[in-house]
Amino acid sequence: MSTYPTPTPTEILHSLALLRSADPSARLRGIKTLRKVRGDPRVRQVFEHLYQQDPAPAVRQAAWQALQESTPTVPAPKPHESTAASPARAPELSASNPMNPTSSPKKAQPQDRARVNQRRAAPPPDDGPFLLDPANRKLIAEERQRIAAQKKRGRSTFLLAAIVFLVMGVLWALALPQIRDWYRLDRHSAQAEGTITALEARDGHYTLHYTFSVRQSEAETVHESQQEINEADYRRLRVGETVRVTFWLEDPNLSRTELDDPSLGMRDRLIFAAAALAVLALMFLSLGMVQRQAWLRRRRRILPGQIVACEGQVDADGDYKIKIRYRFRTPRGQIITAQTRQIRNDLRRKPLPRAGTAVAVYYRNAHAYRLL
């Protein structure tokens, strides 16, 4: 044991806080205090972590010297491989830190690189979620392409349906006033004798001007109106002749004669076109819904998830096996937590994914799923 006075619990907690500092000199002070209790296996694990992960050469050297005093088999520190890691992240201690009083003490194995690797945190990959089996990367790419193509088709169908609805709305806006007037004159109307006051021809359109009298409150009121007629009636009729007029009882200004009105043919065509577009729009929407339901039944459901915990160790056959605990949310909103193992010799000397790293889950139902 050390010949130095044993630090108090308060000094130990303060030293642990210094090890989390971004300042290398503060971490050196923490190591200096904890060296007095280096016989504790939990302290040695902290020193091993600093020796393996700290980006500052001086801190790694100090941790190595502290380990040499109790375990002289630890090799001398080498230049740090990664310069991108921040000083504050390297000595990070989680809730499962060996110095945590609630955790069970374990004997350190400095020579066991598999045990050391399981404490190394890896940044999330830039090209997608972490894959338990890298061969599934092609499956992920195909699913992304399939979803993108489906979204593109869905947007195209929606845009086409929106255009059809817009044109249909314009046609109905033009036709509805004429339908309303036709209904009023057909259901709530009266008739009177009218007199032709003028006949007008302009740009291939022929207009009839006429007047008629309506008795209201024991007095007659003369109303003037006009109507489009065809060329044959225009050439046949003369100013001063009488025509039969149908008018709306609530407002006699709304009226028409018994002569053919070419604008009514335009009204009928507008109604027919608007109705045809309405049917076409409904067909587009129905087809889109049917296609989407069929695609949902056929597609592979690859759901996003995240890692809860990950650790790795060498098995009896010498293979490096990682154990991952993960969770994900089903389409029905259920949270599922599961665990799986996989041999990954390629990760033997690489950082393992940390908690929160994104993963992908192949999902069929709540009883059939697997981590990709």
Protein backbone atom coordinates (compact mmCIF):
# COMPACT_ATOMS: atom_id res chain seq x y z
CA MET A 1 0.00 0.00 0.00
CA SER A 2 0.97 3.62 -0.36
CA THR A 3 2.99 5.43 2.28
CA TYR A 4 0.99 8.60 1.61
CA PRO A 5 -1.98 9.51 3.82
CA THR A 6 -5.19 7.92 2.54
CA PRO A 7 -7.47 10.61 1.01
CA THR A 8 -10.85 11.20 2.53
CA PRO A 9 -14.09 10.33 0.64
CA THR A 10 -14.56 14.03 -0.08
CA GLU A 11 -11.09 14.23 -1.65
CA ILE A 12 -11.84 11.12 -3.75
CA LEU A 13 -15.10 12.61 -5.06
CA HIS A 14 -13.31 15.86 -5.85
CA SER A 15 -10.60 13.94 -7.72
CA LEU A 16 -13.22 12.10 -9.77
CA ALA A 17 -14.73 15.47 -10.70
CA LEU A 18 -11.28 16.65 -11.80
CA LEU A 19 -10.96 13.61 -14.08
CA ARG A 20 -14.02 14.86 -15.99
CA SER A 21 -12.46 18.26 -16.57
CA ALA A 22 -11.44 19.44 -20.03
CA ASP A 23 -8.18 20.78 -18.57
CA PRO A 24 -5.36 18.17 -18.66
CA SER A 25 -3.68 19.77 -15.63
CA ALA A 26 -6.86 19.26 -13.59
CA ARG A 27 -6.95 15.59 -14.61
CA LEU A 28 -3.29 15.27 -13.56
CA ARG A 29 -4.19 16.60 -10.11
CA GLY A 30 -6.98 14.06 -9.88
CA ILE A 31 -4.59 11.23 -10.77
CA LYS A 32 -2.09 12.47 -8.17
CA THR A 33 -4.71 12.17 -5.41
CA LEU A 34 -6.13 8.83 -6.57
CA ARG A 35 -2.61 7.30 -6.75
CA LYS A 36 -2.75 7.14 -2.97
CA VAL A 37 -5.50 4.50 -3.23
CA ARG A 38 -4.23 2.77 -6.36
CA GLY A 39 -4.49 -0.58 -4.62
CA ASP A 40 -8.25 -0.43 -5.03
CA PRO A 41 -9.19 -2.42 -8.19
CA ARG A 42 -11.80 0.19 -9.05
CA VAL A 43 -9.14 2.91 -9.08
CA ARG A 44 -6.97 0.78 -11.35
CA GLN A 45 -9.88 0.50 -13.79
CA VAL A 46 -10.15 4.29 -13.84
CA PHE A 47 -6.41 4.56 -14.55
CA GLU A 48 -6.70 1.97 -17.31
CA HIS A 49 -9.49 4.02 -18.87
CA LEU A 50 -7.34 7.15 -18.81
CA TYR A 51 -4.33 5.23 -20.08
CA GLN A 52 -6.35 3.89 -23.04
CA GLN A 53 -8.58 6.87 -23.88
CA ASP A 54 -7.22 10.20 -22.67
CA PRO A 55 -6.02 12.38 -25.59
CA ALA A 56 -3.39 14.20 -23.49
CA PRO A 57 0.04 12.40 -23.53
CA ALA A 58 0.90 13.73 -20.07
CA VAL A 59 -2.29 12.30 -18.59
CA ARG A 60 -1.75 8.93 -20.25
CA GLN A 61 1.83 8.91 -18.96
CA ALA A 62 0.67 9.72 -15.41
CA ALA A 63 -1.97 6.98 -15.55
CA TRP A 64 0.64 4.52 -16.84
CA GLN A 65 3.05 5.41 -14.02
CA ALA A 66 0.27 4.89 -11.47
CA LEU A 67 -0.48 1.48 -12.96
CA GLN A 68 3.22 0.57 -13.01
CA GLU A 69 3.41 1.01 -9.26
CA SER A 70 0.85 -1.77 -8.76
CA THR A 71 0.74 -3.68 -12.08
CA PRO A 72 4.13 -3.31 -13.83
CA THR A 73 3.04 -5.49 -16.79
CA VAL A 74 1.16 -2.62 -18.44
CA PRO A 75 3.06 -1.52 -21.62
CA ALA A 76 4.29 2.04 -21.99
CA PRO A 77 1.78 4.47 -23.55
CA LYS A 78 1.95 5.11 -27.30
CA PRO A 79 0.98 8.27 -29.21
CA HIS A 80 -2.77 8.70 -29.16
CA GLU A 81 -4.39 7.52 -32.38
CA SER A 82 -7.31 9.96 -32.45
CA THR A 83 -6.80 13.69 -32.18
CA ALA A 84 -10.44 14.49 -32.95
CA ALA A 85 -11.78 13.46 -29.55
CA SER A 86 -12.30 16.31 -27.11
CA PRO A 87 -10.44 16.18 -23.74
CA ALA A 88 -13.73 16.42 -21.86
CA ARG A 89 -15.15 13.32 -23.51
CA ALA A 90 -12.25 10.90 -23.06
CA PRO A 91 -12.36 10.58 -19.27
CA GLU A 92 -16.16 10.58 -19.16
CA LEU A 93 -17.49 8.32 -16.37
CA SER A 94 -21.01 6.92 -16.60
CA ALA A 95 -23.37 5.70 -13.93
CA SER A 96 -21.75 2.29 -14.20
CA ASN A 97 -18.31 3.73 -13.32
CA PRO A 98 -16.29 1.38 -11.15
CA MET A 99 -15.91 4.17 -8.57
CA ASN A 100 -19.70 4.34 -8.16
CA PRO A 101 -20.45 3.00 -4.65
CA THR A 102 -23.56 1.18 -5.94
CA SER A 103 -21.64 -0.88 -8.51
CA SER A 104 -20.07 -4.19 -7.71
CA PRO A 105 -16.25 -4.24 -7.79
CA LYS A 106 -14.54 -6.22 -10.53
CA LYS A 107 -10.92 -7.14 -10.89
CA ALA A 108 -9.20 -5.29 -13.66
CA GLN A 109 -7.65 -7.16 -16.56
CA PRO A 110 -5.25 -4.66 -18.22
CA GLN A 111 -4.14 -7.24 -20.72
CA ASP A 112 -7.70 -8.08 -21.81
CA ARG A 113 -8.25 -5.77 -24.78
CA ALA A 114 -11.81 -7.07 -25.27
CA ARG A 115 -12.82 -5.79 -21.82
CA VAL A 116 -11.19 -2.46 -22.50
CA ASN A 117 -12.93 -2.10 -25.87
CA GLN A 118 -16.38 -2.48 -24.36
CA ARG A 119 -15.85 0.80 -22.43
CA ARG A 120 -14.83 2.80 -25.51
CA ALA A 121 -17.56 5.00 -26.97
CA ALA A 122 -17.83 5.20 -30.74
CA PRO A 123 -19.36 8.16 -32.56
CA PRO A 124 -22.48 7.34 -34.60
CA PRO A 125 -21.76 6.52 -38.27
CA ASP A 126 -22.31 9.22 -40.87
CA ASP A 127 -23.83 6.92 -43.49
CA GLY A 128 -26.80 5.60 -41.51
CA PRO A 129 -27.67 3.49 -38.45
CA PHE A 130 -25.30 1.00 -36.84
CA LEU A 131 -25.80 -2.42 -38.42
CA LEU A 132 -25.37 -5.62 -36.44
CA ASP A 133 -24.71 -7.36 -39.76
CA PRO A 134 -23.02 -5.05 -42.32
CA ALA A 135 -24.45 -7.19 -45.12
CA ASN A 136 -27.83 -5.58 -44.41
CA ARG A 137 -26.60 -2.23 -45.69
CA LYS A 138 -27.87 -3.10 -49.16
CA LEU A 139 -31.29 -3.92 -47.71
CA ILE A 140 -31.40 -0.53 -45.99
CA ALA A 141 -30.44 1.24 -49.22
CA GLU A 142 -33.12 -0.62 -51.20
CA GLU A 143 -35.76 0.23 -48.62
CA ARG A 144 -34.79 3.90 -48.71
CA GLN A 145 -35.05 3.93 -52.49
CA ARG A 146 -38.41 2.18 -52.35
CA ILE A 147 -39.79 4.64 -49.81
CA ALA A 148 -38.46 7.61 -51.80
CA ALA A 149 -40.05 6.28 -55.00
CA GLN A 150 -43.36 5.70 -53.20
CA LYS A 151 -43.31 9.22 -51.78
CA LYS A 152 -42.57 10.62 -55.23
CA ARG A 153 -45.47 8.70 -56.75
CA GLY A 154 -47.70 9.81 -53.89
CA ARG A 155 -46.75 13.46 -54.40
CA SER A 156 -47.38 13.16 -58.15
CA THR A 157 -50.81 11.59 -57.59
CA PHE A 158 -51.70 14.21 -55.02
CA LEU A 159 -50.57 17.03 -57.34
CA LEU A 160 -52.56 15.61 -60.25
CA ALA A 161 -55.66 15.22 -58.06
CA ALA A 162 -55.21 18.78 -56.77
CA ILE A 163 -55.07 20.13 -60.34
CA VAL A 164 -58.20 18.16 -61.28
CA PHE A 165 -60.02 19.46 -58.21
CA LEU A 166 -58.93 23.02 -59.01
CA VAL A 167 -60.23 22.85 -62.59
CA MET A 168 -63.40 21.18 -61.34
CA GLY A 169 -63.92 23.96 -58.81
CA VAL A 170 -63.56 26.62 -61.51
CA LEU A 171 -66.11 24.84 -63.73
CA TRP A 172 -68.58 24.45 -60.90
CA ALA A 173 -68.12 28.12 -59.97
CA LEU A 174 -69.11 29.05 -63.53
CA ALA A 175 -72.02 26.61 -63.74
CA LEU A 176 -73.62 26.97 -60.31
CA PRO A 177 -75.06 30.51 -60.81
CA GLN A 178 -76.80 29.34 -63.99
CA ILE A 179 -78.06 26.18 -62.23
CA ARG A 180 -79.40 28.34 -59.41
CA ASP A 181 -81.23 30.68 -61.84
CA TRP A 182 -82.63 27.73 -63.74
CA TYR A 183 -83.99 26.22 -60.51
CA ARG A 184 -85.61 29.49 -59.45
CA LEU A 185 -87.30 30.03 -62.81
CA ASP A 186 -88.44 26.40 -62.92
CA ARG A 187 -89.88 26.17 -59.39
CA HIS A 188 -90.90 29.69 -58.33
CA SER A 189 -91.87 31.61 -61.47
CA ALA A 190 -94.74 33.28 -63.33
CA GLN A 191 -95.33 34.30 -66.93
CA ALA A 192 -96.12 37.57 -68.68
CA GLU A 193 -96.32 39.07 -72.17
CA GLY A 194 -93.16 40.91 -73.18
CA THR A 195 -92.29 43.27 -76.02
CA ILE A 196 -89.08 43.19 -78.10
CA THR A 197 -87.33 46.55 -77.82
CA ALA A 198 -84.07 45.85 -79.69
CA LEU A 199 -82.12 43.19 -81.57
CA GLU A 200 -78.32 43.31 -81.45
CA ALA A 201 -75.63 41.37 -83.30
CA ARG A 202 -71.96 41.59 -82.28
CA ASP A 203 -69.00 39.27 -82.95
CA GLY A 204 -71.23 36.34 -83.84
CA HIS A 205 -73.43 36.75 -80.76
CA TYR A 206 -77.05 37.80 -80.97
CA THR A 207 -78.90 39.56 -78.15
CA LEU A 208 -82.60 40.19 -77.66
CA HIS A 209 -83.70 43.20 -75.55
CA TYR A 210 -87.24 43.11 -74.18
CA THR A 211 -89.58 44.61 -71.59
CA PHE A 212 -92.51 43.21 -69.62
CA SER A 213 -94.92 44.44 -66.94
CA VAL A 214 -95.56 42.90 -63.54
CA ARG A 215 -98.42 43.92 -61.25
CA GLN A 216 -97.27 44.38 -57.67
CA SER A 217 -99.38 45.95 -54.90
CA GLU A 218 -102.09 47.08 -57.34
CA ALA A 219 -99.49 48.78 -59.53
CA GLU A 220 -97.71 47.64 -62.65
CA THR A 221 -93.93 47.79 -62.84
CA VAL A 222 -92.07 47.66 -66.14
CA HIS A 223 -88.89 45.56 -66.18
CA GLU A 224 -86.21 45.52 -68.85
CA SER A 225 -83.97 42.55 -69.58
CA GLN A 226 -81.99 40.86 -72.32
CA GLN A 227 -81.24 37.36 -73.51
CA GLU A 228 -78.89 35.68 -75.95
CA ILE A 229 -80.66 34.10 -78.96
CA ASN A 230 -79.57 32.11 -81.98
CA GLU A 231 -79.04 33.53 -85.47
CA ALA A 232 -82.28 32.09 -86.90
CA ASP A 233 -84.44 33.84 -84.28
CA TYR A 234 -82.44 37.02 -84.71
CA ARG A 235 -83.26 37.12 -88.44
CA ARG A 236 -86.91 36.12 -87.90
CA LEU A 237 -87.91 38.47 -85.10
CA ARG A 238 -88.75 42.19 -85.39
CA VAL A 239 -88.73 45.03 -82.90
CA GLY A 240 -92.21 45.48 -81.37
CA GLU A 241 -93.24 41.84 -81.55
CA THR A 242 -94.43 40.12 -78.38
CA VAL A 243 -92.73 37.20 -76.65
CA ARG A 244 -93.69 35.10 -73.64
CA VAL A 245 -91.52 35.89 -70.59
CA THR A 246 -90.96 33.72 -67.51
CA PHE A 247 -89.78 35.60 -64.40
CA TRP A 248 -88.89 34.82 -60.78
CA LEU A 249 -91.64 35.84 -58.38
CA GLU A 250 -89.26 37.17 -55.71
CA ASP A 251 -87.28 39.27 -58.19
CA PRO A 252 -88.76 39.84 -61.68
CA ASN A 253 -85.38 41.11 -62.88
CA LEU A 254 -84.46 37.42 -63.21
CA SER A 255 -86.33 36.36 -66.36
CA ARG A 256 -86.06 34.59 -69.69
CA THR A 257 -88.12 34.25 -72.86
CA GLU A 258 -89.45 31.15 -74.53
CA LEU A 259 -86.79 31.45 -77.24
CA ASP A 260 -83.76 29.14 -77.34
CA ASP A 261 -80.78 30.47 -75.33
CA PRO A 262 -77.35 29.32 -76.60
CA SER A 263 -75.84 30.07 -73.15
CA LEU A 264 -77.89 27.20 -71.73
CA GLY A 265 -75.94 24.80 -73.94
CA MET A 266 -72.71 26.18 -72.47
CA ARG A 267 -74.16 25.67 -68.99
CA ASP A 268 -74.91 22.03 -69.77
CA ARG A 269 -71.39 21.49 -71.08
CA LEU A 270 -69.89 23.07 -67.96
CA ILE A 271 -71.99 20.83 -65.73
CA PHE A 272 -70.99 17.74 -67.69
CA ALA A 273 -67.28 18.66 -67.60
CA ALA A 274 -67.36 19.42 -63.84
CA ALA A 275 -69.12 16.15 -63.09
CA ALA A 276 -66.65 14.20 -65.25
CA LEU A 277 -63.70 15.82 -63.47
CA ALA A 278 -65.25 15.03 -60.07
CA VAL A 279 -65.52 11.37 -61.01
CA LEU A 280 -61.94 11.42 -62.35
CA ALA A 281 -60.62 13.01 -59.16
CA LEU A 282 -62.38 10.41 -57.01
CA MET A 283 -60.91 7.66 -59.18
CA PHE A 284 -57.40 9.10 -58.71
CA LEU A 285 -57.84 9.26 -54.94
CA SER A 286 -59.32 5.77 -54.73
CA LEU A 287 -56.53 4.36 -56.89
CA GLY A 288 -53.92 6.09 -54.76
CA MET A 289 -55.42 4.69 -51.55
CA VAL A 290 -55.60 1.17 -53.00
CA GLN A 291 -51.98 1.36 -54.18
CA ARG A 292 -50.82 2.66 -50.81
CA GLN A 293 -52.59 -0.12 -48.92
CA ALA A 294 -51.13 -2.72 -51.28
CA TRP A 295 -47.67 -1.19 -50.85
CA LEU A 296 -48.03 -1.22 -47.07
CA ARG A 297 -48.90 -4.92 -47.20
CA ARG A 298 -45.98 -5.76 -49.49
CA ARG A 299 -43.27 -3.52 -48.16
CA ARG A 300 -40.59 -4.45 -45.69
CA ARG A 301 -41.10 -2.57 -42.49
CA ILE A 302 -37.73 -1.29 -41.34
CA LEU A 303 -38.27 0.69 -38.17
CA PRO A 304 -35.81 3.05 -36.46
CA GLY A 305 -34.51 2.15 -33.01
CA GLN A 306 -31.65 2.94 -30.68
CA ILE A 307 -29.05 1.10 -28.65
CA VAL A 308 -29.59 0.85 -24.91
CA ALA A 309 -26.28 -0.86 -24.11
CA CYS A 310 -23.48 -2.56 -26.00
CA GLU A 311 -20.56 -4.64 -24.83
CA GLY A 312 -18.11 -7.05 -26.41
CA GLN A 313 -15.87 -9.90 -25.29
CA VAL A 314 -13.89 -12.80 -26.69
CA ASP A 315 -15.72 -16.12 -26.52
CA ALA A 316 -14.26 -19.58 -25.93
CA ASP A 317 -13.51 -20.00 -29.64
CA GLY A 318 -11.50 -16.79 -29.78
CA ASP A 319 -14.16 -14.84 -31.68
CA TYR A 320 -15.09 -11.33 -30.67
CA LYS A 321 -18.81 -11.30 -29.87
CA ILE A 322 -20.83 -8.16 -29.19
CA LYS A 323 -24.04 -8.11 -27.17
CA ILE A 324 -26.51 -5.33 -27.94
CA ARG A 325 -29.59 -4.34 -26.00
CA TYR A 326 -31.88 -2.14 -28.10
CA ARG A 327 -35.39 -0.72 -28.20
CA PHE A 328 -37.79 0.57 -30.84
CA ARG A 329 -41.37 1.72 -31.27
CA THR A 330 -43.82 -0.38 -33.29
CA PRO A 331 -46.32 1.16 -35.76
CA ARG A 332 -48.97 0.76 -33.04
CA GLY A 333 -46.90 2.78 -30.56
CA GLN A 334 -45.65 -0.12 -28.43
CA ILE A 335 -42.10 0.17 -27.05
CA ILE A 336 -40.17 -3.09 -27.41
CA THR A 337 -36.80 -3.73 -25.76
CA ALA A 338 -34.79 -6.75 -26.88
CA GLN A 339 -31.27 -8.18 -26.84
CA THR A 340 -29.18 -9.93 -29.45
CA ARG A 341 -25.62 -11.15 -30.03
CA GLN A 342 -23.41 -11.28 -33.08
CA ILE A 343 -19.81 -12.25 -33.84
CA ARG A 344 -18.00 -9.12 -35.08
CA ASN A 345 -14.27 -9.78 -35.28
CA ASP A 346 -13.94 -6.58 -37.33
CA LEU A 347 -14.81 -4.57 -34.19
CA ARG A 348 -12.22 -6.26 -31.99
CA ARG A 349 -9.97 -3.19 -31.95
CA LYS A 350 -12.60 -0.58 -32.83
CA PRO A 351 -14.87 1.51 -30.62
CA LEU A 352 -18.28 0.02 -29.92
CA PRO A 353 -21.48 2.06 -30.46
CA ARG A 354 -22.60 3.90 -27.38
CA ALA A 355 -26.09 4.14 -25.91
CA GLY A 356 -28.43 6.17 -28.09
CA THR A 357 -26.82 5.14 -31.40
CA ALA A 358 -29.42 4.67 -34.14
CA VAL A 359 -30.18 1.14 -35.35
CA ALA A 360 -32.63 -0.41 -37.83
CA VAL A 361 -35.12 -3.17 -36.98
CA TYR A 362 -36.75 -5.48 -39.52
CA TYR A 363 -40.33 -5.70 -38.21
CA ARG A 364 -43.23 -7.95 -39.19
CA ASN A 365 -45.24 -8.02 -35.97
CA ALA A 366 -44.72 -7.75 -32.22
CA HIS A 367 -43.45 -11.34 -32.12
CA ALA A 368 -41.35 -11.40 -35.30
CA TYR A 369 -38.56 -8.84 -35.65
CA ARG A 370 -34.77 -8.72 -35.74
CA LEU A 371 -31.99 -6.20 -35.52
CA LEU A 372 -30.38 -5.54 -38.90
